[in-house]
Amino acid sequence: MPYSYIRDPAEIYRQSFETICNEADFSKFAEGSHDIVVRLIHACGMVDIVDNLEISDGAVEAGCEALKRNRPIVCDVDMVRQGIIRRLLPPDLPVLCGVSDEETAILARQNETTRSAAAFERLSGDWAGGIAVIGNAPTALFHLLDLIEDGAEPPALIVGIPVGFVGAVESKDALVQNSHNVPYITVRGRRGGSAMAAAAVNAIAGGLGA
């Protein structure tokens, strides 16, 4: 006898978002941020991330404005880029990731750092005024903040949700404390990841639409 389960994608989304809205506490978030909260919980299945989720003042507006101006989205790894729903974005908006480029590998060796961090240095002219999205590498977030501190034009928004046990906590703390007041979205602590980072972009681009 075949299993009985919901097959309709729209109904799966509807029930998922309804469950999240019933179980999560949205009280500390501005109403305009609720779609981001829902999509982030949907991406990880953990309602309690609201305790660690921080969305700075103006983050949603800054992200929307960057998309309207067709400024690029720059990702630290291809997993983030693949998770961003292309049809929610303006047709010609670039979604970039330089982690696999040979030039990035050379720069990483020269700088004795990770490819993700080197890629953000190579793409500094692209993320300026755009959206920087980091879902994997704390080194990329640290280096992005260092580049801004050294005078690089900042992104309009930083989605900084790297995951892990080395540098993730500290890099996200640095993002929250960034002295240039760059708008940000982050989940403090060890939790994070590419799916969550992409989900934040999808919420800004398309709300809860599929």
Protein backbone atom coordinates (compact mmCIF):
# COMPACT_ATOMS: atom_id res chain seq x y z
CA MET A 1 0.00 0.00 0.00
CA PRO A 2 1.55 3.37 -1.03
CA TYR A 3 2.33 5.99 1.57
CA SER A 4 -0.13 8.82 1.97
CA TYR A 5 1.50 12.23 1.94
CA ILE A 6 1.03 15.73 0.57
CA ARG A 7 2.40 16.10 -2.96
CA ASP A 8 1.19 19.58 -3.88
CA PRO A 9 4.14 22.01 -3.50
CA ALA A 10 1.84 24.97 -2.85
CA GLU A 11 0.04 23.10 -0.08
CA ILE A 12 3.35 22.00 1.46
CA TYR A 13 4.48 25.63 1.55
CA ARG A 14 1.11 26.77 2.92
CA GLN A 15 1.08 24.27 5.76
CA SER A 16 4.74 24.87 6.56
CA PHE A 17 4.36 28.64 6.77
CA GLU A 18 1.13 28.30 8.77
CA THR A 19 2.86 26.04 11.30
CA ILE A 20 5.76 28.48 11.63
CA CYS A 21 3.41 31.43 12.14
CA ASN A 22 1.56 29.49 14.86
CA GLU A 23 4.68 28.38 16.71
CA ALA A 24 7.20 31.24 16.37
CA ASP A 25 7.36 34.38 18.47
CA PHE A 26 7.56 37.38 16.13
CA SER A 27 7.19 39.99 18.83
CA LYS A 28 10.73 41.39 18.66
CA PHE A 29 10.68 41.88 14.88
CA ALA A 30 9.27 44.72 12.82
CA GLU A 31 6.28 43.66 10.74
CA GLY A 32 8.23 44.17 7.53
CA SER A 33 10.75 41.53 8.66
CA HIS A 34 8.28 38.71 9.28
CA ASP A 35 8.76 37.08 5.87
CA ILE A 36 12.48 36.80 6.56
CA VAL A 37 11.81 35.18 9.92
CA VAL A 38 9.42 32.66 8.36
CA ARG A 39 11.74 31.73 5.51
CA LEU A 40 14.76 31.34 7.82
CA ILE A 41 12.83 29.01 10.12
CA HIS A 42 11.51 27.12 7.09
CA ALA A 43 15.08 26.65 5.83
CA CYS A 44 16.31 25.04 9.06
CA GLY A 45 13.20 23.67 10.80
CA MET A 46 14.11 25.31 14.09
CA VAL A 47 11.59 27.77 15.51
CA ASP A 48 13.91 28.72 18.34
CA ILE A 49 16.36 30.49 16.05
CA VAL A 50 14.28 33.62 16.63
CA ASP A 51 16.21 33.96 19.89
CA ASN A 52 19.44 34.41 17.90
CA LEU A 53 18.11 36.09 14.78
CA GLU A 54 19.00 39.75 14.39
CA ILE A 55 17.72 41.99 11.62
CA SER A 56 19.13 45.49 11.86
CA ASP A 57 17.06 48.61 11.32
CA GLY A 58 16.72 49.31 7.62
CA ALA A 59 18.01 45.92 6.50
CA VAL A 60 14.90 44.93 4.56
CA GLU A 61 14.60 48.33 2.91
CA ALA A 62 18.31 48.37 1.99
CA GLY A 63 18.06 44.93 0.41
CA CYS A 64 14.94 45.82 -1.56
CA GLU A 65 16.52 49.04 -2.81
CA ALA A 66 19.68 47.21 -3.93
CA LEU A 67 17.54 44.79 -5.94
CA LYS A 68 15.57 47.65 -7.49
CA ARG A 69 18.82 49.27 -8.58
CA ASN A 70 19.92 45.93 -10.08
CA ARG A 71 23.01 45.78 -7.90
CA PRO A 72 24.69 42.35 -7.78
CA ILE A 73 24.26 39.69 -5.15
CA VAL A 74 27.65 38.22 -4.21
CA CYS A 75 27.73 34.82 -2.45
CA ASP A 76 30.56 33.16 -0.55
CA VAL A 77 29.89 29.66 -1.94
CA ASP A 78 27.98 28.12 -4.82
CA MET A 79 25.54 26.44 -2.41
CA VAL A 80 24.23 29.88 -1.48
CA ARG A 81 24.01 30.97 -5.10
CA GLN A 82 22.12 27.81 -6.05
CA GLY A 83 19.65 28.35 -3.19
CA ILE A 84 18.59 31.79 -4.36
CA ILE A 85 15.38 31.55 -6.39
CA ARG A 86 16.30 33.17 -9.67
CA ARG A 87 12.72 33.86 -10.79
CA LEU A 88 12.15 36.11 -7.77
CA LEU A 89 14.91 38.47 -8.90
CA PRO A 90 14.95 41.13 -11.63
CA PRO A 91 15.82 39.30 -14.89
CA ASP A 92 19.27 40.78 -15.42
CA LEU A 93 20.44 41.01 -11.82
CA PRO A 94 23.84 39.30 -11.44
CA VAL A 95 24.23 36.60 -8.77
CA LEU A 96 27.96 36.03 -8.39
CA CYS A 97 30.31 33.62 -6.65
CA GLY A 98 34.03 33.59 -7.32
CA VAL A 99 35.06 30.73 -5.07
CA SER A 100 35.84 28.32 -7.91
CA ASP A 101 37.75 30.76 -10.11
CA GLU A 102 41.45 30.07 -10.71
CA GLU A 103 42.28 33.71 -9.94
CA THR A 104 40.66 33.23 -6.56
CA ALA A 105 42.79 30.17 -5.85
CA ILE A 106 45.94 32.13 -6.67
CA LEU A 107 44.92 35.05 -4.45
CA ALA A 108 44.02 32.69 -1.60
CA ARG A 109 47.47 31.14 -1.74
CA GLN A 110 49.11 34.56 -1.84
CA ASN A 111 47.08 35.80 1.13
CA GLU A 112 47.25 32.46 2.98
CA THR A 113 43.51 32.46 3.47
CA THR A 114 40.41 30.62 2.25
CA ARG A 115 39.05 30.80 -1.27
CA SER A 116 35.81 32.31 0.04
CA ALA A 117 37.67 35.19 1.65
CA ALA A 118 39.82 35.74 -1.44
CA ALA A 119 36.74 35.69 -3.67
CA PHE A 120 35.16 38.50 -1.70
CA GLU A 121 38.30 40.56 -2.18
CA ARG A 122 38.26 39.91 -5.94
CA LEU A 123 34.57 40.86 -6.20
CA SER A 124 34.72 43.98 -4.06
CA GLY A 125 33.61 46.14 -7.01
CA ASP A 126 30.52 43.99 -7.39
CA TRP A 127 29.26 43.80 -3.81
CA ALA A 128 29.69 47.55 -3.33
CA GLY A 129 26.13 48.84 -3.05
CA GLY A 130 24.76 45.34 -3.59
CA ILE A 131 24.02 42.43 -1.29
CA ALA A 132 26.81 40.32 0.22
CA VAL A 133 25.58 36.87 1.26
CA ILE A 134 27.69 34.59 3.44
CA GLY A 135 26.27 31.25 4.48
CA ASN A 136 29.35 29.12 4.89
CA ALA A 137 32.69 30.76 5.58
CA PRO A 138 33.39 32.93 8.64
CA THR A 139 36.65 33.91 6.97
CA ALA A 140 34.68 35.55 4.16
CA LEU A 141 32.63 37.58 6.63
CA PHE A 142 35.69 38.63 8.60
CA HIS A 143 37.52 39.65 5.41
CA LEU A 144 34.53 41.55 4.08
CA LEU A 145 34.38 43.57 7.30
CA ASP A 146 38.15 44.15 7.14
CA LEU A 147 37.90 45.41 3.56
CA ILE A 148 35.14 47.84 4.54
CA GLU A 149 37.18 48.99 7.52
CA ASP A 150 40.10 49.62 5.13
CA GLY A 151 37.98 51.88 2.95
CA ALA A 152 36.10 49.68 0.49
CA GLU A 153 32.62 50.86 -0.42
CA PRO A 154 30.25 48.70 1.65
CA PRO A 155 27.38 46.57 0.40
CA ALA A 156 23.88 47.91 0.90
CA LEU A 157 23.14 44.80 2.99
CA ILE A 158 25.16 41.97 4.50
CA VAL A 159 23.41 38.64 5.02
CA GLY A 160 25.99 37.07 7.32
CA ILE A 161 24.95 33.61 8.47
CA PRO A 162 28.11 31.44 8.35
CA VAL A 163 27.96 28.15 10.21
CA GLY A 164 30.42 26.15 12.28
CA PHE A 165 32.69 25.87 15.24
CA VAL A 166 35.65 28.06 14.25
CA GLY A 167 35.02 31.75 13.76
CA ALA A 168 31.29 31.62 13.14
CA VAL A 169 30.29 33.08 16.49
CA GLU A 170 33.01 35.71 16.43
CA SER A 171 32.48 36.83 12.83
CA LYS A 172 28.76 37.34 13.42
CA ASP A 173 29.44 39.28 16.60
CA ALA A 174 31.77 41.50 14.56
CA LEU A 175 29.04 42.02 11.97
CA VAL A 176 26.55 43.16 14.60
CA GLN A 177 29.13 45.57 15.97
CA ASN A 178 30.34 46.84 12.56
CA SER A 179 31.40 50.45 12.97
CA HIS A 180 30.11 51.50 9.54
CA ASN A 181 26.52 50.61 10.45
CA VAL A 182 26.07 48.47 7.36
CA PRO A 183 22.58 46.92 7.55
CA TYR A 184 22.68 43.19 8.29
CA ILE A 185 20.77 39.99 8.85
CA THR A 186 22.41 37.33 11.00
CA VAL A 187 21.77 34.39 13.31
CA ARG A 188 24.17 34.68 16.21
CA GLY A 189 25.90 31.58 17.51
CA ARG A 190 27.12 28.48 15.70
CA ARG A 191 23.97 27.85 13.70
CA GLY A 192 23.63 29.07 10.14
CA GLY A 193 24.36 27.74 6.69
CA SER A 194 23.85 28.21 2.99
CA ALA A 195 20.13 27.35 2.98
CA MET A 196 19.40 29.98 5.62
CA ALA A 197 21.47 32.64 3.89
CA ALA A 198 19.72 32.00 0.58
CA ALA A 199 16.34 31.98 2.32
CA ALA A 200 16.91 35.50 3.64
CA VAL A 201 17.57 36.75 0.10
CA ASN A 202 14.50 34.94 -1.20
CA ALA A 203 12.34 36.61 1.44
CA ILE A 204 13.61 40.05 0.47
CA ALA A 205 13.17 39.34 -3.22
CA GLY A 206 9.79 37.65 -3.13
CA GLY A 207 8.31 37.53 0.34
CA LEU A 208 6.72 34.12 0.86
CA GLY A 209 6.03 33.56 -2.83
CA ALA A 210 7.33 30.38 -4.43
